[in-house]
């Protein structure tokens, strides 16, 4: 297995961008509901060995909040006054006012979001840390 935080088999969907722990993932259920509402084709979830998708897809942050792949770091992301578990994918450099900016992924309301945020909205996070201080 690739990492002790991960599992041997994961769930994927055709056209999906992430792998999930199970078909009961709230983000998967919500995403499929939204896709049906938009009239998009929704594929059946498929259970596959993690080695088949580990390097092609990102982990669902809802299912694997403590997994950071190569080059990524666990972090806290501040949005709307609430700290969310996130993943810092890469630092971009300094913005026009001299603050560091980063590509981050976090989950809120059963939705995985990707943003560019500056250092004011980011904090380091340890595995299994439950709240930001």
C-alpha atoms as a PDB file:
ATOM      1  CA  UNK A   1       0.000   0.000   0.000  1.00  0.00           C
ATOM      2  CA  UNK A   2       1.242   3.500  -0.829  1.00  0.00           C
ATOM      3  CA  UNK A   3       0.771   5.203   2.559  1.00  0.00           C
ATOM      4  CA  UNK A   4      -0.578   4.192   5.977  1.00  0.00           C
ATOM      5  CA  UNK A   5      -3.248   6.926   5.767  1.00  0.00           C
ATOM      6  CA  UNK A   6      -4.624   5.394   2.571  1.00  0.00           C
ATOM      7  CA  UNK A   7      -6.469   2.112   1.984  1.00  0.00           C
ATOM      8  CA  UNK A   8      -5.769  -0.745  -0.448  1.00  0.00           C
ATOM      9  CA  UNK A   9      -8.930  -0.223  -2.505  1.00  0.00           C
ATOM     10  CA  UNK A  10     -10.627   3.071  -3.314  1.00  0.00           C
ATOM     11  CA  UNK A  11     -13.705   4.290  -5.144  1.00  0.00           C
ATOM     12  CA  UNK A  12     -13.565   6.221  -8.417  1.00  0.00           C
ATOM     13  CA  UNK A  13     -16.116   7.405 -10.950  1.00  0.00           C
ATOM     14  CA  UNK A  14     -15.716   7.811 -14.696  1.00  0.00           C
ATOM     15  CA  UNK A  15     -14.649  11.385 -15.348  1.00  0.00           C
ATOM     16  CA  UNK A  16     -13.969  12.030 -11.664  1.00  0.00           C
ATOM     17  CA  UNK A  17     -10.860  13.860 -10.504  1.00  0.00           C
ATOM     18  CA  UNK A  18     -10.376  12.246  -7.082  1.00  0.00           C
ATOM     19  CA  UNK A  19     -10.391   8.842  -5.404  1.00  0.00           C
ATOM     20  CA  UNK A  20     -12.558   8.201  -2.353  1.00  0.00           C
ATOM     21  CA  UNK A  21     -12.643   5.895   0.645  1.00  0.00           C
ATOM     22  CA  UNK A  22     -16.166   4.584  -0.024  1.00  0.00           C
ATOM     23  CA  UNK A  23     -19.386   5.127  -1.944  1.00  0.00           C
ATOM     24  CA  UNK A  24     -20.810   6.683   1.227  1.00  0.00           C
ATOM     25  CA  UNK A  25     -18.552   9.746   0.875  1.00  0.00           C
ATOM     26  CA  UNK A  26     -20.808  12.770   1.411  1.00  0.00           C
ATOM     27  CA  UNK A  27     -18.916  14.750  -1.241  1.00  0.00           C
ATOM     28  CA  UNK A  28     -19.439  11.951  -3.797  1.00  0.00           C
ATOM     29  CA  UNK A  29     -23.159  11.732  -3.027  1.00  0.00           C
ATOM     30  CA  UNK A  30     -23.539  15.521  -3.238  1.00  0.00           C
ATOM     31  CA  UNK A  31     -21.464  15.756  -6.425  1.00  0.00           C
ATOM     32  CA  UNK A  32     -23.526  13.094  -8.153  1.00  0.00           C
ATOM     33  CA  UNK A  33     -26.734  14.803  -7.040  1.00  0.00           C
ATOM     34  CA  UNK A  34     -25.537  18.101  -8.541  1.00  0.00           C
ATOM     35  CA  UNK A  35     -24.445  16.374 -11.764  1.00  0.00           C
ATOM     36  CA  UNK A  36     -27.864  14.735 -12.177  1.00  0.00           C
ATOM     37  CA  UNK A  37     -29.560  18.093 -11.522  1.00  0.00           C
ATOM     38  CA  UNK A  38     -27.429  19.694 -14.288  1.00  0.00           C
ATOM     39  CA  UNK A  39     -28.352  16.841 -16.624  1.00  0.00           C
ATOM     40  CA  UNK A  40     -24.807  15.448 -16.742  1.00  0.00           C
ATOM     41  CA  UNK A  41     -24.204  11.736 -17.177  1.00  0.00           C
ATOM     42  CA  UNK A  42     -23.379  10.148 -13.817  1.00  0.00           C
ATOM     43  CA  UNK A  43     -21.239   7.015 -13.821  1.00  0.00           C
ATOM     44  CA  UNK A  44     -21.473   4.238 -11.274  1.00  0.00           C
ATOM     45  CA  UNK A  45     -18.745   4.294  -8.612  1.00  0.00           C
ATOM     46  CA  UNK A  46     -16.107   1.601  -9.154  1.00  0.00           C
ATOM     47  CA  UNK A  47     -13.942  -0.050  -6.481  1.00  0.00           C
ATOM     48  CA  UNK A  48     -10.320  -0.299  -7.706  1.00  0.00           C
ATOM     49  CA  UNK A  49      -6.845  -0.967  -6.261  1.00  0.00           C
ATOM     50  CA  UNK A  50      -5.270   2.278  -5.054  1.00  0.00           C
ATOM     51  CA  UNK A  51      -2.116   1.617  -7.065  1.00  0.00           C
ATOM     52  CA  UNK A  52      -4.186   1.980 -10.250  1.00  0.00           C
ATOM     53  CA  UNK A  53      -5.198   5.597  -9.525  1.00  0.00           C
ATOM     54  CA  UNK A  54      -2.788   6.997  -6.911  1.00  0.00           C
ATOM     55  CA  UNK A  55      -0.703   8.950  -9.420  1.00  0.00           C
ATOM     56  CA  UNK A  56      -3.580   9.926 -11.747  1.00  0.00           C
ATOM     57  CA  UNK A  57      -6.044  11.383  -9.251  1.00  0.00           C
ATOM     58  CA  UNK A  58      -5.935  13.362  -6.052  1.00  0.00           C
ATOM     59  CA  UNK A  59      -7.415  11.982  -2.825  1.00  0.00           C
ATOM     60  CA  UNK A  60     -10.810  13.284  -1.731  1.00  0.00           C
ATOM     61  CA  UNK A  61     -10.005  15.629   1.129  1.00  0.00           C
ATOM     62  CA  UNK A  62     -13.207  14.556   2.928  1.00  0.00           C
ATOM     63  CA  UNK A  63     -12.162  10.895   2.839  1.00  0.00           C
ATOM     64  CA  UNK A  64      -8.405  11.322   3.369  1.00  0.00           C
ATOM     65  CA  UNK A  65      -7.929  14.598   5.287  1.00  0.00           C
ATOM     66  CA  UNK A  66      -4.509  13.549   6.624  1.00  0.00           C
ATOM     67  CA  UNK A  67      -2.924  12.421   3.351  1.00  0.00           C
ATOM     68  CA  UNK A  68      -0.487  14.719   1.580  1.00  0.00           C
ATOM     69  CA  UNK A  69       0.996  13.396  -1.625  1.00  0.00           C
ATOM     70  CA  UNK A  70       4.506  14.169  -2.842  1.00  0.00           C
ATOM     71  CA  UNK A  71       5.249  17.894  -2.593  1.00  0.00           C
ATOM     72  CA  UNK A  72       1.992  18.735  -0.793  1.00  0.00           C
ATOM     73  CA  UNK A  73       1.576  19.787   2.847  1.00  0.00           C
ATOM     74  CA  UNK A  74      -1.308  19.521   5.284  1.00  0.00           C
ATOM     75  CA  UNK A  75      -2.728  22.903   6.226  1.00  0.00           C
ATOM     76  CA  UNK A  76      -5.652  24.789   7.713  1.00  0.00           C
ATOM     77  CA  UNK A  77      -7.589  27.057   5.322  1.00  0.00           C
ATOM     78  CA  UNK A  78      -9.575  30.026   6.668  1.00  0.00           C
ATOM     79  CA  UNK A  79     -12.766  30.728   4.714  1.00  0.00           C
ATOM     80  CA  UNK A  80     -15.773  32.735   5.948  1.00  0.00           C
ATOM     81  CA  UNK A  81     -14.362  32.795   9.484  1.00  0.00           C
ATOM     82  CA  UNK A  82     -14.040  28.988   9.725  1.00  0.00           C
ATOM     83  CA  UNK A  83     -10.822  26.922   9.616  1.00  0.00           C
ATOM     84  CA  UNK A  84     -11.083  23.876   7.306  1.00  0.00           C
ATOM     85  CA  UNK A  85      -8.669  20.972   6.841  1.00  0.00           C
ATOM     86  CA  UNK A  86      -6.805  21.543   3.611  1.00  0.00           C
ATOM     87  CA  UNK A  87      -3.885  20.618   1.454  1.00  0.00           C
ATOM     88  CA  UNK A  88      -1.281  23.107   0.266  1.00  0.00           C
ATOM     89  CA  UNK A  89      -0.366  21.940  -3.246  1.00  0.00           C
ATOM     90  CA  UNK A  90       2.367  24.486  -4.024  1.00  0.00           C
ATOM     91  CA  UNK A  91       3.588  27.962  -3.192  1.00  0.00           C
ATOM     92  CA  UNK A  92       3.203  30.362  -6.142  1.00  0.00           C
ATOM     93  CA  UNK A  93       5.400  33.194  -4.876  1.00  0.00           C
ATOM     94  CA  UNK A  94       4.687  36.639  -3.472  1.00  0.00           C
ATOM     95  CA  UNK A  95       1.697  38.699  -4.589  1.00  0.00           C
ATOM     96  CA  UNK A  96       1.628  42.447  -5.330  1.00  0.00           C
ATOM     97  CA  UNK A  97       1.572  43.337  -1.610  1.00  0.00           C
ATOM     98  CA  UNK A  98       4.411  40.964  -0.723  1.00  0.00           C
ATOM     99  CA  UNK A  99       2.373  38.115   0.808  1.00  0.00           C
ATOM    100  CA  UNK A 100       3.071  34.496  -0.120  1.00  0.00           C
ATOM    101  CA  UNK A 101       0.327  32.834  -2.191  1.00  0.00           C
ATOM    102  CA  UNK A 102      -0.379  29.127  -2.559  1.00  0.00           C
ATOM    103  CA  UNK A 103      -2.593  26.721  -4.481  1.00  0.00           C
ATOM    104  CA  UNK A 104      -4.742  24.981  -1.869  1.00  0.00           C
ATOM    105  CA  UNK A 105      -7.510  22.395  -1.776  1.00  0.00           C
ATOM    106  CA  UNK A 106      -9.993  22.120   1.079  1.00  0.00           C
ATOM    107  CA  UNK A 107     -13.437  20.702   1.750  1.00  0.00           C
ATOM    108  CA  UNK A 108     -16.491  22.587   2.978  1.00  0.00           C
ATOM    109  CA  UNK A 109     -20.176  21.711   2.750  1.00  0.00           C
ATOM    110  CA  UNK A 110     -19.321  18.320   1.175  1.00  0.00           C
ATOM    111  CA  UNK A 111     -17.583  20.072  -1.709  1.00  0.00           C
ATOM    112  CA  UNK A 112     -13.891  19.984  -2.529  1.00  0.00           C
ATOM    113  CA  UNK A 113     -12.655  23.456  -3.491  1.00  0.00           C
ATOM    114  CA  UNK A 114      -9.436  24.608  -5.124  1.00  0.00           C
ATOM    115  CA  UNK A 115      -8.270  28.182  -4.523  1.00  0.00           C
ATOM    116  CA  UNK A 116      -5.286  30.479  -4.562  1.00  0.00           C
ATOM    117  CA  UNK A 117      -4.932  32.026  -1.095  1.00  0.00           C
ATOM    118  CA  UNK A 118      -2.325  34.159   0.582  1.00  0.00           C
ATOM    119  CA  UNK A 119      -0.529  33.313   3.802  1.00  0.00           C
ATOM    120  CA  UNK A 120      -3.078  35.192   5.985  1.00  0.00           C
ATOM    121  CA  UNK A 121      -5.595  32.408   5.316  1.00  0.00           C
ATOM    122  CA  UNK A 122      -3.271  29.433   5.827  1.00  0.00           C
ATOM    123  CA  UNK A 123      -1.786  27.657   8.845  1.00  0.00           C
ATOM    124  CA  UNK A 124       0.320  24.479   9.099  1.00  0.00           C
ATOM    125  CA  UNK A 125      -1.556  21.332  10.205  1.00  0.00           C
ATOM    126  CA  UNK A 126      -0.328  18.092  11.755  1.00  0.00           C
ATOM    127  CA  UNK A 127      -1.900  14.724  10.882  1.00  0.00           C
ATOM    128  CA  UNK A 128      -4.913  13.932  13.097  1.00  0.00           C
ATOM    129  CA  UNK A 129      -5.075  17.532  14.353  1.00  0.00           C
ATOM    130  CA  UNK A 130      -8.775  18.234  14.874  1.00  0.00           C
ATOM    131  CA  UNK A 131      -8.932  22.021  15.313  1.00  0.00           C
ATOM    132  CA  UNK A 132      -6.852  25.025  14.366  1.00  0.00           C
ATOM    133  CA  UNK A 133      -5.451  27.004  17.268  1.00  0.00           C
END
